[in-house]
């Protein structure tokens, strides 16, 4: 085969490199999307946890005040 022909060694090598690049780009985009989805899920879970912790802290403060008031009377 000729090196410079349309179906030559260089053309085939270039096609293989392009195919590999296309495959790697697909894999990268897939992993990147998966990471983005995971980060979004973690942010949502953290927000829910933060809200719950705030409610629990408020309940703790309320109960502490109530028990303190009961002990004074």
N, C-alpha and C. Protein backbone atom coordinates (compact mmCIF):
# COMPACT_ATOMS: atom_id res chain seq x y z
N UNK A 1 0.84 -1.19 0.00
CA UNK A 1 0.00 0.00 0.00
C UNK A 1 0.88 1.25 0.00
N UNK A 2 0.35 2.27 -0.58
CA UNK A 2 1.05 3.54 -0.63
C UNK A 2 0.81 4.30 0.68
N UNK A 3 1.79 5.04 1.10
CA UNK A 3 1.66 5.82 2.33
C UNK A 3 0.64 6.95 2.18
N UNK A 4 0.57 7.57 1.02
CA UNK A 4 -0.24 8.77 0.83
C UNK A 4 -1.57 8.52 0.13
N UNK A 5 -1.88 7.30 -0.25
CA UNK A 5 -3.14 7.00 -0.93
C UNK A 5 -4.31 7.21 0.02
N UNK A 6 -5.53 7.34 -0.57
CA UNK A 6 -6.72 7.55 0.25
C UNK A 6 -6.95 6.40 1.23
N UNK A 7 -6.55 5.21 0.86
CA UNK A 7 -6.66 4.07 1.77
C UNK A 7 -5.28 3.57 2.18
N UNK A 8 -4.33 4.47 2.18
CA UNK A 8 -2.96 4.12 2.50
C UNK A 8 -2.71 4.03 4.00
N UNK A 9 -1.48 3.76 4.34
CA UNK A 9 -1.08 3.55 5.73
C UNK A 9 -1.34 4.79 6.58
N UNK A 10 -0.97 5.96 6.08
CA UNK A 10 -1.17 7.19 6.85
C UNK A 10 -2.65 7.49 7.01
N UNK A 11 -3.42 7.31 5.96
CA UNK A 11 -4.86 7.56 6.02
C UNK A 11 -5.53 6.61 7.01
N UNK A 12 -5.14 5.34 6.97
CA UNK A 12 -5.70 4.36 7.91
C UNK A 12 -5.31 4.69 9.35
N UNK A 13 -4.07 5.09 9.54
CA UNK A 13 -3.63 5.46 10.89
C UNK A 13 -4.41 6.67 11.38
N UNK A 14 -4.62 7.64 10.50
CA UNK A 14 -5.39 8.83 10.87
C UNK A 14 -6.83 8.46 11.20
N UNK A 15 -7.42 7.57 10.41
CA UNK A 15 -8.78 7.10 10.70
C UNK A 15 -8.86 6.42 12.06
N UNK A 16 -7.86 5.59 12.37
CA UNK A 16 -7.82 4.91 13.66
C UNK A 16 -7.68 5.90 14.81
N UNK A 17 -6.83 6.89 14.63
CA UNK A 17 -6.66 7.92 15.67
C UNK A 17 -7.97 8.68 15.86
N UNK A 18 -8.62 9.04 14.77
CA UNK A 18 -9.89 9.76 14.87
C UNK A 18 -10.97 8.91 15.53
N UNK A 19 -11.01 7.63 15.22
CA UNK A 19 -11.98 6.73 15.85
C UNK A 19 -11.72 6.61 17.34
N UNK A 20 -10.45 6.49 17.70
CA UNK A 20 -10.08 6.42 19.12
C UNK A 20 -10.45 7.72 19.83
N UNK A 21 -10.17 8.84 19.20
CA UNK A 21 -10.51 10.14 19.78
C UNK A 21 -12.01 10.28 19.97
N UNK A 22 -12.78 9.85 18.98
CA UNK A 22 -14.24 9.90 19.08
C UNK A 22 -14.74 9.03 20.23
N UNK A 23 -14.18 7.84 20.36
CA UNK A 23 -14.56 6.93 21.43
C UNK A 23 -14.20 7.51 22.80
N UNK A 24 -13.01 8.05 22.91
CA UNK A 24 -12.58 8.64 24.19
C UNK A 24 -13.41 9.86 24.54
N UNK A 25 -13.79 10.65 23.54
CA UNK A 25 -14.64 11.82 23.78
C UNK A 25 -16.00 11.38 24.30
N UNK A 26 -16.57 10.31 23.70
CA UNK A 26 -17.85 9.78 24.18
C UNK A 26 -17.73 9.32 25.63
N UNK A 27 -16.66 8.59 25.93
CA UNK A 27 -16.45 8.11 27.30
C UNK A 27 -16.30 9.28 28.26
N UNK A 28 -15.53 10.29 27.86
CA UNK A 28 -15.32 11.46 28.71
C UNK A 28 -16.65 12.16 29.00
N UNK A 29 -17.46 12.36 27.96
CA UNK A 29 -18.74 13.04 28.14
C UNK A 29 -19.66 12.23 29.04
N UNK A 30 -19.64 10.92 28.89
CA UNK A 30 -20.47 10.06 29.73
C UNK A 30 -20.05 10.16 31.19
N UNK A 31 -18.75 10.07 31.44
CA UNK A 31 -18.25 10.17 32.82
C UNK A 31 -18.50 11.57 33.37
N UNK A 32 -18.30 12.58 32.56
CA UNK A 32 -18.53 13.96 32.99
C UNK A 32 -19.99 14.17 33.38
N UNK A 33 -20.91 13.65 32.57
CA UNK A 33 -22.34 13.76 32.90
C UNK A 33 -22.66 13.01 34.18
N UNK A 34 -22.08 11.84 34.35
CA UNK A 34 -22.29 11.06 35.57
C UNK A 34 -21.80 11.82 36.79
N UNK A 35 -20.64 12.45 36.68
CA UNK A 35 -20.09 13.23 37.79
C UNK A 35 -21.00 14.41 38.09
N UNK A 36 -21.47 15.11 37.05
CA UNK A 36 -22.36 16.25 37.26
C UNK A 36 -23.65 15.82 37.96
N UNK A 37 -24.21 14.68 37.56
CA UNK A 37 -25.42 14.18 38.20
C UNK A 37 -25.16 13.81 39.65
N UNK A 38 -24.02 13.21 39.92
CA UNK A 38 -23.67 12.83 41.30
C UNK A 38 -23.49 14.07 42.17
N UNK A 39 -22.81 15.08 41.65
CA UNK A 39 -22.61 16.32 42.40
C UNK A 39 -23.96 16.98 42.69
N UNK A 40 -24.85 17.01 41.70
CA UNK A 40 -26.17 17.60 41.90
C UNK A 40 -26.95 16.84 42.97
N UNK A 41 -26.86 15.51 42.93
CA UNK A 41 -27.54 14.68 43.94
C UNK A 41 -26.97 14.94 45.33
N UNK A 42 -25.64 15.03 45.43
CA UNK A 42 -25.02 15.30 46.72
C UNK A 42 -25.41 16.68 47.25
N UNK A 43 -25.49 17.67 46.37
CA UNK A 43 -25.90 19.01 46.80
C UNK A 43 -27.33 18.99 47.34
N UNK A 44 -28.22 18.28 46.65
CA UNK A 44 -29.60 18.18 47.10
C UNK A 44 -29.67 17.46 48.45
N UNK A 45 -28.92 16.38 48.60
CA UNK A 45 -28.90 15.65 49.86
C UNK A 45 -28.32 16.51 50.98
N UNK A 46 -27.28 17.28 50.68
CA UNK A 46 -26.68 18.14 51.69
C UNK A 46 -27.67 19.21 52.13
N UNK A 47 -28.40 19.77 51.16
CA UNK A 47 -29.39 20.80 51.50
C UNK A 47 -30.46 20.21 52.41
N UNK A 48 -30.93 19.00 52.09
CA UNK A 48 -31.93 18.34 52.94
C UNK A 48 -31.36 18.07 54.33
N UNK A 49 -30.13 17.61 54.40
CA UNK A 49 -29.49 17.33 55.68
C UNK A 49 -29.32 18.61 56.48
N UNK A 50 -28.90 19.68 55.81
CA UNK A 50 -28.71 20.97 56.48
C UNK A 50 -30.03 21.48 57.06
N UNK A 51 -31.11 21.34 56.29
CA UNK A 51 -32.44 21.75 56.76
C UNK A 51 -32.85 20.92 57.97
N UNK A 52 -32.63 19.62 57.90
CA UNK A 52 -33.00 18.73 59.01
C UNK A 52 -32.18 19.06 60.26
N UNK A 53 -30.89 19.32 60.09
CA UNK A 53 -30.05 19.67 61.24
C UNK A 53 -30.52 20.97 61.88
N UNK A 54 -30.92 21.92 61.07
CA UNK A 54 -31.43 23.18 61.60
C UNK A 54 -32.69 22.95 62.42
N UNK A 55 -33.59 22.12 61.91
CA UNK A 55 -34.82 21.80 62.64
C UNK A 55 -34.50 21.08 63.95
N UNK A 56 -33.56 20.15 63.90
CA UNK A 56 -33.19 19.42 65.11
C UNK A 56 -32.55 20.34 66.14
N UNK A 57 -31.72 21.26 65.69
CA UNK A 57 -31.11 22.23 66.61
C UNK A 57 -32.17 23.13 67.23
N UNK A 58 -33.16 23.54 66.44
CA UNK A 58 -34.25 24.35 66.99
C UNK A 58 -35.04 23.56 68.02
N UNK A 59 -35.31 22.30 67.73
CA UNK A 59 -36.03 21.44 68.68
C UNK A 59 -35.20 21.27 69.96
N UNK A 60 -33.91 21.08 69.82
CA UNK A 60 -33.03 20.94 70.97
C UNK A 60 -33.08 22.20 71.84
N UNK A 61 -33.00 23.35 71.22
CA UNK A 61 -33.05 24.61 71.97
C UNK A 61 -34.39 24.75 72.69
N UNK A 62 -35.47 24.44 72.00
CA UNK A 62 -36.80 24.53 72.60
C UNK A 62 -36.92 23.60 73.80
N UNK A 63 -36.48 22.35 73.64
CA UNK A 63 -36.58 21.39 74.74
C UNK A 63 -35.70 21.81 75.91
N UNK A 64 -34.53 22.34 75.63
CA UNK A 64 -33.65 22.82 76.70
C UNK A 64 -34.34 23.93 77.48
N UNK A 65 -34.97 24.85 76.77
CA UNK A 65 -35.69 25.94 77.44
C UNK A 65 -36.84 25.40 78.28
N UNK A 66 -37.58 24.43 77.75
CA UNK A 66 -38.71 23.86 78.48
C UNK A 66 -38.25 23.13 79.74
N UNK A 67 -37.19 22.34 79.62
CA UNK A 67 -36.69 21.61 80.79
C UNK A 67 -36.12 22.57 81.83
N UNK A 68 -35.46 23.61 81.38
CA UNK A 68 -34.94 24.62 82.30
C UNK A 68 -36.08 25.31 83.04
N UNK A 69 -37.14 25.64 82.31
CA UNK A 69 -38.31 26.28 82.93
C UNK A 69 -38.98 25.34 83.92
N UNK A 70 -39.06 24.05 83.59
CA UNK A 70 -39.68 23.08 84.50
C UNK A 70 -38.86 22.94 85.78
N UNK A 71 -37.55 22.99 85.68
CA UNK A 71 -36.70 22.83 86.85
C UNK A 71 -36.76 24.05 87.76
N UNK A 72 -37.07 25.21 87.20
CA UNK A 72 -37.15 26.44 88.00
C UNK A 72 -38.46 26.52 88.76
N UNK A 73 -39.51 25.83 88.29
CA UNK A 73 -40.80 25.95 88.95
C UNK A 73 -41.03 24.91 90.01
